Amino acid sequence: MTDRSKATDSRCDFAALWAESYARLRTYVRIFVPSVHDADDVMQETAMAIARDFDKYDPQRPFLEWAVGVARNRVFEHFRKRDRDRRMVFDVETVKHIEESFLAAESQFDSYHDALELCLKQLPERARRLIDLRYLACNSIEEISSQLGLTVRSVYTRLSQVRCGLKECIGRRMKLLGDAR
């Protein structure tokens, strides 16, 4: 195998692992960096660091675990460099505990995501449109109210009802999966 084909394979491996782990890694970053813009910056720095150091990754180890370690360092760097006036809310020990819990729960993400997708598909069309307007289009309650011709209070009430229904549906699905194991 030539050096060029090894490099191509490495880039393909990186791209596949990055794509598979991106959403979970972003969730991890958002735990510590609540600003969407800042989290995007941290994710970009994380991607560059992972791509640069990908040859150091041990494929016998879970990629997400390794990537979280890289992201943790980028989060710390973010607070050190960009937010001198604001300190990170968590100390290093707390970050490690959160990280351990995050990685322990990681195995449940796929099941939860699958349950959520199934429950979303089962929603009546009006409820799905409401969820889409709020969470996919990121419209404010006032914008949704205007678009649907509903009062703001009515939008809040309906969203609350839909979210409760989704929570119950996901709970039932997760219980079924747990019972099946």
N, C-alpha and C. Protein backbone atom coordinates (compact mmCIF):
# COMPACT_ATOMS: atom_id res chain seq x y z
N MET A 1 0.86 -1.18 0.00
CA MET A 1 0.00 0.00 0.00
C MET A 1 0.90 1.24 0.00
N THR A 2 0.62 2.18 -0.86
CA THR A 2 1.44 3.39 -0.96
C THR A 2 1.09 4.36 0.15
N ASP A 3 1.99 5.32 0.38
CA ASP A 3 1.73 6.34 1.39
C ASP A 3 0.48 7.14 1.04
N ARG A 4 0.28 7.34 -0.24
CA ARG A 4 -0.89 8.10 -0.69
C ARG A 4 -2.19 7.36 -0.38
N SER A 5 -2.21 6.07 -0.64
CA SER A 5 -3.44 5.30 -0.36
C SER A 5 -3.66 5.16 1.15
N LYS A 6 -2.58 5.08 1.94
CA LYS A 6 -2.72 5.07 3.39
C LYS A 6 -3.33 6.38 3.88
N ALA A 7 -2.87 7.49 3.31
CA ALA A 7 -3.41 8.79 3.70
C ALA A 7 -4.88 8.89 3.33
N THR A 8 -5.24 8.38 2.15
CA THR A 8 -6.64 8.41 1.72
C THR A 8 -7.49 7.56 2.66
N ASP A 9 -7.00 6.36 3.00
CA ASP A 9 -7.73 5.50 3.93
C ASP A 9 -7.91 6.18 5.28
N SER A 10 -6.85 6.83 5.75
CA SER A 10 -6.91 7.53 7.03
C SER A 10 -7.94 8.65 7.00
N ARG A 11 -7.97 9.41 5.91
CA ARG A 11 -8.97 10.49 5.78
C ARG A 11 -10.37 9.93 5.74
N CYS A 12 -10.55 8.82 5.05
CA CYS A 12 -11.88 8.19 4.98
C CYS A 12 -12.30 7.67 6.36
N ASP A 13 -11.35 7.06 7.08
CA ASP A 13 -11.65 6.58 8.43
C ASP A 13 -12.04 7.74 9.33
N PHE A 14 -11.25 8.82 9.26
CA PHE A 14 -11.55 10.00 10.06
C PHE A 14 -12.94 10.53 9.73
N ALA A 15 -13.22 10.69 8.43
CA ALA A 15 -14.50 11.26 8.00
C ALA A 15 -15.67 10.41 8.50
N ALA A 16 -15.54 9.10 8.39
CA ALA A 16 -16.63 8.21 8.83
C ALA A 16 -16.84 8.29 10.34
N LEU A 17 -15.75 8.24 11.08
CA LEU A 17 -15.85 8.30 12.54
C LEU A 17 -16.35 9.66 13.01
N TRP A 18 -15.89 10.72 12.35
CA TRP A 18 -16.33 12.08 12.71
C TRP A 18 -17.83 12.22 12.45
N ALA A 19 -18.27 11.79 11.29
CA ALA A 19 -19.70 11.91 10.94
C ALA A 19 -20.56 11.12 11.92
N GLU A 20 -20.10 9.94 12.29
CA GLU A 20 -20.86 9.09 13.20
C GLU A 20 -20.94 9.68 14.61
N SER A 21 -19.91 10.39 15.02
CA SER A 21 -19.82 10.89 16.40
C SER A 21 -20.16 12.36 16.56
N TYR A 22 -20.35 13.07 15.46
CA TYR A 22 -20.49 14.52 15.51
C TYR A 22 -21.60 14.99 16.47
N ALA A 23 -22.78 14.44 16.32
CA ALA A 23 -23.92 14.91 17.13
C ALA A 23 -23.67 14.68 18.61
N ARG A 24 -23.11 13.54 18.96
CA ARG A 24 -22.84 13.24 20.36
C ARG A 24 -21.73 14.14 20.91
N LEU A 25 -20.73 14.36 20.10
CA LEU A 25 -19.63 15.22 20.52
C LEU A 25 -20.12 16.65 20.70
N ARG A 26 -20.99 17.08 19.81
CA ARG A 26 -21.56 18.43 19.93
C ARG A 26 -22.39 18.54 21.21
N THR A 27 -23.12 17.51 21.53
CA THR A 27 -23.89 17.50 22.78
C THR A 27 -22.95 17.66 23.97
N TYR A 28 -21.85 16.93 23.94
CA TYR A 28 -20.86 17.04 25.01
C TYR A 28 -20.35 18.48 25.13
N VAL A 29 -19.98 19.08 24.01
CA VAL A 29 -19.46 20.45 24.02
C VAL A 29 -20.51 21.42 24.55
N ARG A 30 -21.77 21.24 24.14
CA ARG A 30 -22.84 22.16 24.57
C ARG A 30 -23.13 22.07 26.06
N ILE A 31 -22.77 20.97 26.70
CA ILE A 31 -22.93 20.89 28.16
C ILE A 31 -22.12 21.99 28.82
N PHE A 32 -20.96 22.27 28.28
CA PHE A 32 -20.04 23.23 28.88
C PHE A 32 -20.05 24.60 28.21
N VAL A 33 -20.42 24.63 26.94
CA VAL A 33 -20.40 25.87 26.17
C VAL A 33 -21.82 26.11 25.65
N PRO A 34 -22.65 26.81 26.42
CA PRO A 34 -24.06 26.95 26.05
C PRO A 34 -24.31 27.84 24.83
N SER A 35 -23.43 28.76 24.53
CA SER A 35 -23.61 29.63 23.37
C SER A 35 -23.40 28.82 22.09
N VAL A 36 -24.40 28.84 21.20
CA VAL A 36 -24.32 28.09 19.95
C VAL A 36 -23.10 28.53 19.13
N HIS A 37 -22.89 29.83 19.03
CA HIS A 37 -21.77 30.35 18.25
C HIS A 37 -20.44 29.87 18.84
N ASP A 38 -20.28 29.99 20.15
CA ASP A 38 -19.05 29.54 20.80
C ASP A 38 -18.87 28.03 20.66
N ALA A 39 -19.97 27.28 20.80
CA ALA A 39 -19.90 25.82 20.65
C ALA A 39 -19.46 25.46 19.23
N ASP A 40 -19.95 26.19 18.24
CA ASP A 40 -19.51 25.95 16.86
C ASP A 40 -18.00 26.16 16.72
N ASP A 41 -17.50 27.22 17.36
CA ASP A 41 -16.06 27.49 17.33
C ASP A 41 -15.28 26.35 17.99
N VAL A 42 -15.77 25.89 19.14
CA VAL A 42 -15.09 24.79 19.84
C VAL A 42 -15.14 23.52 19.00
N MET A 43 -16.25 23.26 18.36
CA MET A 43 -16.36 22.07 17.50
C MET A 43 -15.39 22.17 16.32
N GLN A 44 -15.25 23.34 15.75
CA GLN A 44 -14.32 23.51 14.64
C GLN A 44 -12.88 23.27 15.11
N GLU A 45 -12.55 23.82 16.26
CA GLU A 45 -11.21 23.60 16.83
C GLU A 45 -10.99 22.12 17.14
N THR A 46 -12.03 21.47 17.64
CA THR A 46 -11.95 20.04 17.95
C THR A 46 -11.73 19.23 16.69
N ALA A 47 -12.48 19.54 15.64
CA ALA A 47 -12.33 18.82 14.37
C ALA A 47 -10.91 18.98 13.83
N MET A 48 -10.39 20.18 13.89
CA MET A 48 -9.03 20.41 13.38
C MET A 48 -8.01 19.64 14.21
N ALA A 49 -8.18 19.63 15.54
CA ALA A 49 -7.25 18.91 16.41
C ALA A 49 -7.33 17.40 16.17
N ILE A 50 -8.53 16.89 16.01
CA ILE A 50 -8.70 15.46 15.77
C ILE A 50 -8.11 15.08 14.41
N ALA A 51 -8.38 15.89 13.40
CA ALA A 51 -7.83 15.60 12.07
C ALA A 51 -6.30 15.64 12.10
N ARG A 52 -5.75 16.62 12.78
CA ARG A 52 -4.30 16.78 12.86
C ARG A 52 -3.66 15.60 13.60
N ASP A 53 -4.32 15.12 14.66
CA ASP A 53 -3.74 14.07 15.50
C ASP A 53 -4.35 12.69 15.26
N PHE A 54 -5.08 12.53 14.16
CA PHE A 54 -5.80 11.28 13.93
C PHE A 54 -4.86 10.08 13.89
N ASP A 55 -3.63 10.27 13.46
CA ASP A 55 -2.68 9.16 13.41
C ASP A 55 -2.32 8.66 14.82
N LYS A 56 -2.63 9.43 15.85
CA LYS A 56 -2.38 9.02 17.24
C LYS A 56 -3.55 8.23 17.82
N TYR A 57 -4.67 8.23 17.12
CA TYR A 57 -5.86 7.51 17.60
C TYR A 57 -5.63 6.01 17.52
N ASP A 58 -5.95 5.31 18.60
CA ASP A 58 -5.84 3.85 18.67
C ASP A 58 -7.20 3.27 18.30
N PRO A 59 -7.30 2.61 17.13
CA PRO A 59 -8.59 2.08 16.68
C PRO A 59 -9.18 0.99 17.60
N GLN A 60 -8.38 0.50 18.54
CA GLN A 60 -8.89 -0.48 19.50
C GLN A 60 -9.73 0.19 20.58
N ARG A 61 -9.64 1.49 20.65
CA ARG A 61 -10.35 2.29 21.66
C ARG A 61 -11.56 2.95 21.00
N PRO A 62 -12.65 3.14 21.73
CA PRO A 62 -13.81 3.82 21.12
C PRO A 62 -13.45 5.24 20.68
N PHE A 63 -13.81 5.57 19.45
CA PHE A 63 -13.47 6.88 18.89
C PHE A 63 -14.09 8.00 19.72
N LEU A 64 -15.35 7.85 20.10
CA LEU A 64 -16.02 8.93 20.84
C LEU A 64 -15.28 9.24 22.13
N GLU A 65 -14.83 8.23 22.82
CA GLU A 65 -14.10 8.43 24.07
C GLU A 65 -12.83 9.27 23.82
N TRP A 66 -12.10 8.93 22.77
CA TRP A 66 -10.89 9.68 22.42
C TRP A 66 -11.25 11.10 22.00
N ALA A 67 -12.28 11.24 21.18
CA ALA A 67 -12.68 12.55 20.68
C ALA A 67 -13.18 13.45 21.82
N VAL A 68 -13.85 12.88 22.80
CA VAL A 68 -14.31 13.66 23.96
C VAL A 68 -13.10 14.23 24.71
N GLY A 69 -12.05 13.44 24.82
CA GLY A 69 -10.83 13.94 25.46
C GLY A 69 -10.25 15.14 24.72
N VAL A 70 -10.26 15.06 23.39
CA VAL A 70 -9.78 16.18 22.58
C VAL A 70 -10.71 17.38 22.76
N ALA A 71 -12.01 17.13 22.73
CA ALA A 71 -12.99 18.22 22.90
C ALA A 71 -12.86 18.87 24.27
N ARG A 72 -12.63 18.06 25.31
CA ARG A 72 -12.45 18.61 26.65
C ARG A 72 -11.31 19.63 26.65
N ASN A 73 -10.22 19.28 26.02
CA ASN A 73 -9.09 20.20 25.96
C ASN A 73 -9.44 21.48 25.20
N ARG A 74 -10.24 21.36 24.15
CA ARG A 74 -10.67 22.55 23.38
C ARG A 74 -11.61 23.41 24.22
N VAL A 75 -12.48 22.77 25.01
CA VAL A 75 -13.38 23.52 25.89
C VAL A 75 -12.57 24.31 26.91
N PHE A 76 -11.61 23.65 27.54
CA PHE A 76 -10.76 24.36 28.51
C PHE A 76 -10.03 25.51 27.84
N GLU A 77 -9.50 25.25 26.64
CA GLU A 77 -8.79 26.30 25.91
C GLU A 77 -9.72 27.47 25.58
N HIS A 78 -10.96 27.15 25.22
CA HIS A 78 -11.95 28.18 24.91
C HIS A 78 -12.11 29.13 26.09
N PHE A 79 -12.27 28.57 27.27
CA PHE A 79 -12.47 29.41 28.45
C PHE A 79 -11.19 30.14 28.85
N ARG A 80 -10.06 29.53 28.60
CA ARG A 80 -8.79 30.20 28.90
C ARG A 80 -8.54 31.39 27.98
N LYS A 81 -8.78 31.23 26.70
CA LYS A 81 -8.44 32.26 25.71
C LYS A 81 -9.52 33.30 25.51
N ARG A 82 -10.73 32.86 25.26
CA ARG A 82 -11.77 33.76 24.79
C ARG A 82 -12.56 34.43 25.90
N ASP A 83 -12.65 33.79 27.02
CA ASP A 83 -13.53 34.30 28.06
C ASP A 83 -12.75 34.59 29.33
N ARG A 84 -11.74 35.41 29.20
CA ARG A 84 -10.91 35.73 30.37
C ARG A 84 -11.76 36.35 31.48
N ASP A 85 -12.79 37.10 31.08
CA ASP A 85 -13.64 37.75 32.08
C ASP A 85 -14.66 36.78 32.70
N ARG A 86 -14.90 35.64 32.03
CA ARG A 86 -15.83 34.65 32.56
C ARG A 86 -15.08 33.33 32.72
N ARG A 87 -15.23 32.72 33.86
CA ARG A 87 -14.57 31.44 34.10
C ARG A 87 -15.54 30.30 33.78
N MET A 88 -14.95 29.16 33.50
CA MET A 88 -15.76 27.97 33.29
C MET A 88 -16.49 27.68 34.60
N VAL A 89 -17.74 27.30 34.49
CA VAL A 89 -18.58 27.08 35.66
C VAL A 89 -18.11 25.86 36.45
N PHE A 90 -17.56 24.85 35.77
CA PHE A 90 -17.18 23.60 36.42
C PHE A 90 -15.67 23.52 36.64
N ASP A 91 -15.29 22.89 37.75
CA ASP A 91 -13.87 22.63 37.96
C ASP A 91 -13.50 21.33 37.23
N VAL A 92 -12.21 21.03 37.16
CA VAL A 92 -11.72 19.89 36.39
C VAL A 92 -12.33 18.58 36.90
N GLU A 93 -12.44 18.43 38.19
CA GLU A 93 -12.99 17.19 38.76
C GLU A 93 -14.46 17.01 38.36
N THR A 94 -15.22 18.08 38.39
CA THR A 94 -16.63 18.01 38.00
C THR A 94 -16.75 17.68 36.51
N VAL A 95 -15.89 18.28 35.69
CA VAL A 95 -15.88 17.99 34.25
C VAL A 95 -15.65 16.50 34.03
N LYS A 96 -14.71 15.92 34.76
CA LYS A 96 -14.42 14.49 34.60
C LYS A 96 -15.62 13.63 35.00
N HIS A 97 -16.33 14.01 36.06
CA HIS A 97 -17.52 13.26 36.47
C HIS A 97 -18.62 13.38 35.40
N ILE A 98 -18.82 14.56 34.89
CA ILE A 98 -19.82 14.76 33.83
C ILE A 98 -19.44 13.94 32.60
N GLU A 99 -18.17 13.98 32.26
CA GLU A 99 -17.68 13.24 31.10
C GLU A 99 -17.89 11.73 31.28
N GLU A 100 -17.60 11.21 32.45
CA GLU A 100 -17.81 9.78 32.72
C GLU A 100 -19.28 9.42 32.56
N SER A 101 -20.16 10.25 33.11
CA SER A 101 -21.60 10.01 32.98
C SER A 101 -22.04 10.09 31.53
N PHE A 102 -21.51 11.06 30.81
CA PHE A 102 -21.84 11.24 29.39
C PHE A 102 -21.45 10.00 28.61
N LEU A 103 -20.23 9.52 28.81
CA LEU A 103 -19.76 8.34 28.07
C LEU A 103 -20.50 7.08 28.48
N ALA A 104 -20.88 6.97 29.76
CA ALA A 104 -21.64 5.81 30.21
C ALA A 104 -23.03 5.78 29.57
N ALA A 105 -23.62 6.96 29.40
CA ALA A 105 -24.96 7.05 28.81
C ALA A 105 -24.92 6.96 27.29
N GLU A 106 -23.75 7.10 26.71
CA GLU A 106 -23.60 7.12 25.25
C GLU A 106 -24.24 5.92 24.58
N SER A 107 -24.15 4.77 25.22
CA SER A 107 -24.71 3.56 24.61
C SER A 107 -26.23 3.63 24.48
N GLN A 108 -26.87 4.47 25.27
CA GLN A 108 -28.32 4.60 25.21
C GLN A 108 -28.78 5.60 24.15
N PHE A 109 -27.85 6.41 23.63
CA PHE A 109 -28.21 7.45 22.67
C PHE A 109 -28.91 6.90 21.43
N ASP A 110 -28.36 5.82 20.87
CA ASP A 110 -28.95 5.26 19.66
C ASP A 110 -30.38 4.78 19.91
N SER A 111 -30.58 4.09 21.02
CA SER A 111 -31.92 3.61 21.34
C SER A 111 -32.89 4.77 21.55
N TYR A 112 -32.42 5.79 22.26
CA TYR A 112 -33.25 6.96 22.51
C TYR A 112 -33.58 7.66 21.19
N HIS A 113 -32.58 7.84 20.36
CA HIS A 113 -32.78 8.50 19.06
C HIS A 113 -33.77 7.72 18.20
N ASP A 114 -33.61 6.41 18.16
CA ASP A 114 -34.54 5.57 17.39
C ASP A 114 -35.96 5.70 17.92
N ALA A 115 -36.11 5.69 19.24
CA ALA A 115 -37.43 5.84 19.86
C ALA A 115 -38.02 7.21 19.52
N LEU A 116 -37.21 8.24 19.61
CA LEU A 116 -37.68 9.59 19.28
C LEU A 116 -38.15 9.66 17.83
N GLU A 117 -37.36 9.13 16.92
CA GLU A 117 -37.73 9.15 15.50
C GLU A 117 -39.07 8.44 15.27
N LEU A 118 -39.23 7.29 15.88
CA LEU A 118 -40.48 6.54 15.72
C LEU A 118 -41.65 7.31 16.30
N CYS A 119 -41.46 7.90 17.46
CA CYS A 119 -42.53 8.66 18.10
C CYS A 119 -42.88 9.91 17.29
N LEU A 120 -41.87 10.57 16.73
CA LEU A 120 -42.14 11.74 15.89
C LEU A 120 -42.95 11.35 14.65
N LYS A 121 -42.66 10.20 14.08
CA LYS A 121 -43.39 9.74 12.90
C LYS A 121 -44.85 9.45 13.22
N GLN A 122 -45.13 9.11 14.47
CA GLN A 122 -46.49 8.77 14.87
C GLN A 122 -47.33 9.99 15.24
N LEU A 123 -46.70 11.14 15.31
CA LEU A 123 -47.45 12.36 15.68
C LEU A 123 -48.46 12.72 14.59
N PRO A 124 -49.61 13.24 15.00
CA PRO A 124 -50.54 13.79 14.02
C PRO A 124 -49.86 14.94 13.25
N GLU A 125 -50.31 15.20 12.06
CA GLU A 125 -49.67 16.20 11.20
C GLU A 125 -49.55 17.58 11.86
N ARG A 126 -50.61 18.02 12.54
CA ARG A 126 -50.58 19.35 13.18
C ARG A 126 -49.54 19.41 14.29
N ALA A 127 -49.44 18.34 15.06
CA ALA A 127 -48.46 18.31 16.15
C ALA A 127 -47.04 18.27 15.59
N ARG A 128 -46.85 17.51 14.52
CA ARG A 128 -45.52 17.44 13.90
C ARG A 128 -45.12 18.80 13.33
N ARG A 129 -46.08 19.49 12.72
CA ARG A 129 -45.78 20.82 12.17
C ARG A 129 -45.36 21.77 13.29
N LEU A 130 -46.02 21.70 14.41
CA LEU A 130 -45.68 22.54 15.55
C LEU A 130 -44.25 22.26 16.03
N ILE A 131 -43.92 20.99 16.16
CA ILE A 131 -42.56 20.60 16.57
C ILE A 131 -41.54 21.06 15.53
N ASP A 132 -41.84 20.88 14.26
CA ASP A 132 -40.92 21.30 13.20
C ASP A 132 -40.70 22.81 13.22
N LEU A 133 -41.79 23.56 13.38
CA LEU A 133 -41.64 25.02 13.42
C LEU A 133 -40.78 25.47 14.60
N ARG A 134 -40.96 24.81 15.73
CA ARG A 134 -40.22 25.24 16.93
C ARG A 134 -38.78 24.76 16.93
N TYR A 135 -38.56 23.48 16.62
CA TYR A 135 -37.24 22.90 16.83
C TYR A 135 -36.40 22.72 15.57
N LEU A 136 -37.02 22.58 14.42
CA LEU A 136 -36.23 22.49 13.19
C LEU A 136 -36.02 23.88 12.59
N ALA A 137 -37.08 24.66 12.52
CA ALA A 137 -36.98 26.01 11.95
C ALA A 137 -36.54 27.03 12.99
N CYS A 138 -36.52 26.64 14.26
CA CYS A 138 -36.10 27.51 15.37
C CYS A 138 -36.90 28.80 15.45
N ASN A 139 -38.18 28.70 15.18
CA ASN A 139 -39.05 29.87 15.29
C ASN A 139 -39.37 30.15 16.76
N SER A 140 -39.56 31.42 17.07
CA SER A 140 -39.98 31.78 18.42
C SER A 140 -41.46 31.42 18.58
N ILE A 141 -41.90 31.41 19.81
CA ILE A 141 -43.31 31.12 20.09
C ILE A 141 -44.19 32.16 19.41
N GLU A 142 -43.74 33.41 19.45
CA GLU A 142 -44.50 34.49 18.82
C GLU A 142 -44.61 34.29 17.31
N GLU A 143 -43.52 33.86 16.68
CA GLU A 143 -43.54 33.61 15.22
C GLU A 143 -44.49 32.46 14.89
N ILE A 144 -44.45 31.41 15.69
CA ILE A 144 -45.34 30.27 15.47
C ILE A 144 -46.78 30.71 15.64
N SER A 145 -47.03 31.48 16.67
CA SER A 145 -48.37 32.01 16.94
C SER A 145 -48.90 32.75 15.72
N SER A 146 -48.07 33.60 15.17
CA SER A 146 -48.46 34.39 14.00
C SER A 146 -48.69 33.49 12.78
N GLN A 147 -47.80 32.53 12.56
CA GLN A 147 -47.91 31.65 11.39
C GLN A 147 -49.13 30.76 11.44
N LEU A 148 -49.47 30.30 12.63
CA LEU A 148 -50.58 29.36 12.76
C LEU A 148 -51.90 30.01 13.15
N GLY A 149 -51.85 31.31 13.42
CA GLY A 149 -53.07 32.01 13.82
C GLY A 149 -53.57 31.58 15.19
N LEU A 150 -52.65 31.29 16.09
CA LEU A 150 -52.99 30.87 17.44
C LEU A 150 -52.49 31.93 18.43
N THR A 151 -53.04 31.90 19.63
CA THR A 151 -52.51 32.79 20.66
C THR A 151 -51.18 32.22 21.16
N VAL A 152 -50.36 33.07 21.73
CA VAL A 152 -49.08 32.64 22.28
C VAL A 152 -49.31 31.58 23.35
N ARG A 153 -50.31 31.82 24.19
CA ARG A 153 -50.63 30.86 25.26
C ARG A 153 -51.02 29.50 24.67
N SER A 154 -51.78 29.52 23.59
CA SER A 154 -52.20 28.28 22.95
C SER A 154 -51.00 27.52 22.39
N VAL A 155 -50.04 28.24 21.81
CA VAL A 155 -48.84 27.59 21.28
C VAL A 155 -48.06 26.94 22.42
N TYR A 156 -47.88 27.68 23.53
CA TYR A 156 -47.19 27.10 24.69
C TYR A 156 -47.89 25.84 25.18
N THR A 157 -49.21 25.91 25.28
CA THR A 157 -49.99 24.77 25.77
C THR A 157 -49.86 23.57 24.85
N ARG A 158 -50.02 23.82 23.55
CA ARG A 158 -49.94 22.71 22.59
C ARG A 158 -48.54 22.10 22.54
N LEU A 159 -47.52 22.94 22.57
CA LEU A 159 -46.15 22.42 22.58
C LEU A 159 -45.90 21.58 23.83
N SER A 160 -46.40 22.04 24.94
CA SER A 160 -46.24 21.30 26.19
C SER A 160 -46.92 19.93 26.09
N GLN A 161 -48.12 19.91 25.53
CA GLN A 161 -48.85 18.65 25.37
C GLN A 161 -48.11 17.69 24.43
N VAL A 162 -47.60 18.22 23.34
CA VAL A 162 -46.87 17.38 22.38
C VAL A 162 -45.60 16.83 23.02
N ARG A 163 -44.87 17.69 23.73
CA ARG A 163 -43.63 17.23 24.38
C ARG A 163 -43.93 16.16 25.43
N CYS A 164 -45.00 16.34 26.19
CA CYS A 164 -45.39 15.32 27.18
C CYS A 164 -45.73 14.01 26.50
N GLY A 165 -46.46 14.10 25.41
CA GLY A 165 -46.80 12.89 24.64
C GLY A 165 -45.56 12.20 24.09
N LEU A 166 -44.62 12.99 23.59
CA LEU A 166 -43.36 12.42 23.08
C LEU A 166 -42.57 11.75 24.20
N LYS A 167 -42.54 12.40 25.35
CA LYS A 167 -41.81 11.84 26.49
C LYS A 167 -42.41 10.50 26.89
N GLU A 168 -43.73 10.42 26.94
CA GLU A 168 -44.39 9.16 27.30
C GLU A 168 -44.13 8.09 26.25
N CYS A 169 -44.22 8.46 24.98
CA CYS A 169 -43.98 7.52 23.88
C CYS A 169 -42.55 7.00 23.93
N ILE A 170 -41.60 7.89 24.12
CA ILE A 170 -40.19 7.49 24.19
C ILE A 170 -39.98 6.57 25.40
N GLY A 171 -40.58 6.91 26.51
CA GLY A 171 -40.47 6.07 27.71
C GLY A 171 -40.98 4.66 27.46
N ARG A 172 -42.14 4.56 26.78
CA ARG A 172 -42.69 3.23 26.46
C ARG A 172 -41.75 2.46 25.54
N ARG A 173 -41.23 3.13 24.52
CA ARG A 173 -40.32 2.49 23.56
C ARG A 173 -39.03 2.03 24.25
N MET A 174 -38.49 2.87 25.11
CA MET A 174 -37.25 2.53 25.80
C MET A 174 -37.48 1.35 26.76
N LYS A 175 -38.66 1.33 27.38
CA LYS A 175 -38.98 0.22 28.28
C LYS A 175 -39.09 -1.07 27.48
N LEU A 176 -39.72 -1.00 26.31
CA LEU A 176 -39.81 -2.18 25.45
C LEU A 176 -38.43 -2.66 25.05
N LEU A 177 -37.55 -1.75 24.71
CA LEU A 177 -36.19 -2.14 24.35
C LEU A 177 -35.48 -2.75 25.54
N GLY A 178 -35.68 -2.18 26.72
CA GLY A 178 -35.06 -2.72 27.93
C GLY A 178 -35.56 -4.12 28.25
N ASP A 179 -36.87 -4.31 28.06
CA ASP A 179 -37.47 -5.63 28.33
C ASP A 179 -37.01 -6.66 27.31
N ALA A 180 -36.71 -6.21 26.09
CA ALA A 180 -36.30 -7.12 25.02
C ALA A 180 -34.87 -7.61 25.23
N ARG A 181 -34.10 -6.89 26.04
CA ARG A 181 -32.69 -7.27 26.23
C ARG A 181 -32.53 -8.37 27.21
